[in-house]
Each structure stands twice: as structure tokens, then as C-alpha cells.
Amino acid sequence: MDSAKQAFVPIILGTDLNAYGMARSFYEKYTVKSELYAMMELAPTRFSKIVTPHFIENFKDPKVFKDTLLAVGKKYRDQDIIPVLISCGDDYTEFVAEHRDAFLEYYVCPYTDADTVAKLTDKESFYRICDEYGLPYPHTKIINSSDDTSDFDSPFGYPVVLKGADANQWRTIHFDGYEKAFTINDKEKLNLMIHRIFEHGYVGDLILQDYVPGDDSNMRTINIYADQYHHVKMMVLGHPLLEDPSPLSIGNYVAIAPGYDQDIYDQLKNFLEKIEFTGFVNFDVKYDRRDNSFKVFDLNPRQGRSSFFTMLNGYNFASLPVEDYIFGTLKDQPTVFANKDTSQYKLWLGVSKATFEKYATDNEAKTAAMELIKHHKYGTTFKYNRDWNIRRALIEFWMNHRYKQNFDKYFKEKI
């Protein structure tokens, strides 16, 4: 589609795999190129003809971020082109929410307000909201920097999970042995990590949680879109089969099969509509075999990093804000509860087939996934035939090699 004739343009914040997945989804539906804004170029969007990258110095400075996007928005509106703002990172999502009222002058901005984002992304306040609306989550203990933690012990036994309540501040600390979330097996290690975290400048609360047993295949991820009238319009459940084991990326999914669970859909739909949520949201939950329930881990007020598994299975999330705000065709449509037809299932992979086969836990879910691979019913975010060239093929080879190295170095069986 010629940019001079198009009714809208996607403005995507980021250059990672999530950003490429959204750009690919827009291109697949509307044949429109996306404009990417970020601080630097990352491998997933390099040498692509479906995106135009713009690298902004100090883009994560709030004033630079706001001023840049307001200027971009005005430029397109002056051309009678509607910019659609898509955030592909936690920092960007926080900034978008903070300046949402200003951005609404120019942009379609399918994100909720700053107060709601703050409440839902701070794990301590999120779990209070879960209590209020009856969403189950793992047993939790809050640890404050002012608490006496000189001889602290877990009230849940071991193993336990330790992580920051303030996700944005948590990402700013760095020390040898830092992980996005720590799985800890004894009191000595727990005390060491608590001391080290506070020693290195983290001043928020810590979340200590009972470890929900089971390998990666016990996880579920649900991508959801709620329209501007706070009605949930699409819910797509994924069944993760393998997670990145490297310390800085632990918990990022690298293999997702489609799944369906109406009870999960109903519970989360009811929750989001009661709190009057708007826009993209992603939940991570885990099946707890001890009481046969799914426990909510957290919520991201954006589409998930691996959300392209939805597009692969026929559900295009990128099109929803366009239909909602520009075309006005979403309001009267019923909620889509995805993946009822198992004959249409496709496996999403973020690693090579060989890495998946070697490291995914041997179980019924893996067997079904290998059957999908056997019948060529799988795909990736990165490899797009309409945007393929030798340089992107070399990047794919390099990324798969790096993943293999990380799995060989860091992977551990989960109990």
C-alpha cells in the first residue's frame, strides 16, 4: 500500500521479535509498512522491507520520548494519515500510559491509563487486585527493605521464587548472578540473594512466592484485546512447551502450541471487564497439580513478546485496534475464544526444531508438537517468505546458534 494513500500507519515502539511480529501482522493484513522507533537496531528487524526503522538518541528519556512521538503523530495527522501506536516493551508501555492523554490528540492508542498500568504492573498491588476479584495466585510473602532479613526463612518451605515487586525498577539493577526471577532451594541462598539485591540499589519490595511445581509445559499464556468500550473481543490461549533458560531472559517462551480452556477465558474476561480494561494485555498462568488450579503469575498491559503464535494460528491481533478505532467494525462483534478447532493448530517456535526436540520435556504435549512439526504445521516470527533474503537467513542461523549455546550452558530440568 502506498504511504500517500493509506488511511493509517503503524508506529511501533521497539525493534525486537515482538516488534517484527506486529509489523508482520500489519503487513499480512493490510500490506502496510510499519514505522519503528527505538534507541537501537536489534537483529529481528534488520534487513527487512516491511519496516522503516528510526533510531532516536535517548529515546527512553521521558521528555525525548514524548516530544518525538508528538511530532511524529502531528506529521501524519497533517497528511490525513492516522498513526496507530503499538508498544513492544515494558518501558515503552509505561511511557505511553503516562502520556496517553497527550498522544490521543494524534494517535490511536490502544493502551490503558497510567494509574491502571501502575497498579497492574506492580506485583504487590496486582496480587491485592487478584484477591479482590478472586484470581488465584501462588502463596506470597512481601519482603521490604526495612524488614529484618538477617536470618530470614521461607514460610512456604523450598523451593521458592524471589523477584521484584516493581518490575521497572527491577530491570535497572545488575550484579553477578542476577536473574529476572530467582528459583531458590535453601535458606542460605535466600538470605544471600535478599542481601545482594538490596545492596545493589533495589529499594522496592520483594515478592517471595511458593514455587508451583512442574516443567514449562504446565504454563499457559493468554493474549487478549479489550476494545475502547472495555469489552473483551479476542482471547487466544497458548501452551508454552519451552522457556529461555538464560539468566536475563528466563521465562521468555521459545515454543508455544495453541490451546483452549473456556474456564480460563471466562475467568479472565470477567476480571478485565470488571476493572474496565482497554487495549492489549497478556497473562501468564501455571497449572498447579497440588490443587488442580491455574495460578496467575503476572499481567503485562501489552501483547506478549511471543504473541505471534496467535497470528500463526489465524488470529491477527494487530488488526484489532484498526477495526476498533479507525473502521469502527469491532464494537458489535462477539468475543472470539480462540483455538477450539484442534485440526487447525500450528506450533510456534522461537528456537530451531533440533533445540526444541532436545530440551522440551518428554510428555503428551511434546508428542503432539512433534506431530505438528512432522506435518509442517509450525512456523516462526522471524521467517516470513514475503520478507526473506540471504542476510535475514544468516541472522536466523546466528540466532538459532546462540539459543543452542544458551540452552547447552544454562538449561536445567524443572521439578
Foldseek 3Di string as FASTA:
>chain_A
DDPLPAQAAEEEEDADLLRLLLLVLCCVVPVAAHEYEYQDHDLLRPLWPRYHYDHDHPCLPLVNVVVVLLVVLVVQVVSNYEYEYAYDDQSVLLSCQDCVVVNVVRHLYFFHHNVVQQQFQQQVSVVVLCVVQVAAAFDKDKAAPPDPLQQDDDPQADFKKKAGRRLVLRVPFDDVPAARIDGDHDRVVVSVVVVVSVVRPDHGMMMIGDDQFDFQQQKKKWKWAAFPQQATAEIWIWGAQDFQQFRHGGPHGFKIKTDADVVVVVSVRVSSSVVSGTGIKMWMWGQRPVVRDIHTDHMRRHGDSQNSLCVLLPHRRSCVSCCRPPVVNRPPHHHHRDDPDVVSMAMEGNADPVVCVVAGDDDPVVVVNVVNVVVVRYDYSRDDPVTDDPVSVVSNVVSNVVSVVSCVPGDDGTD
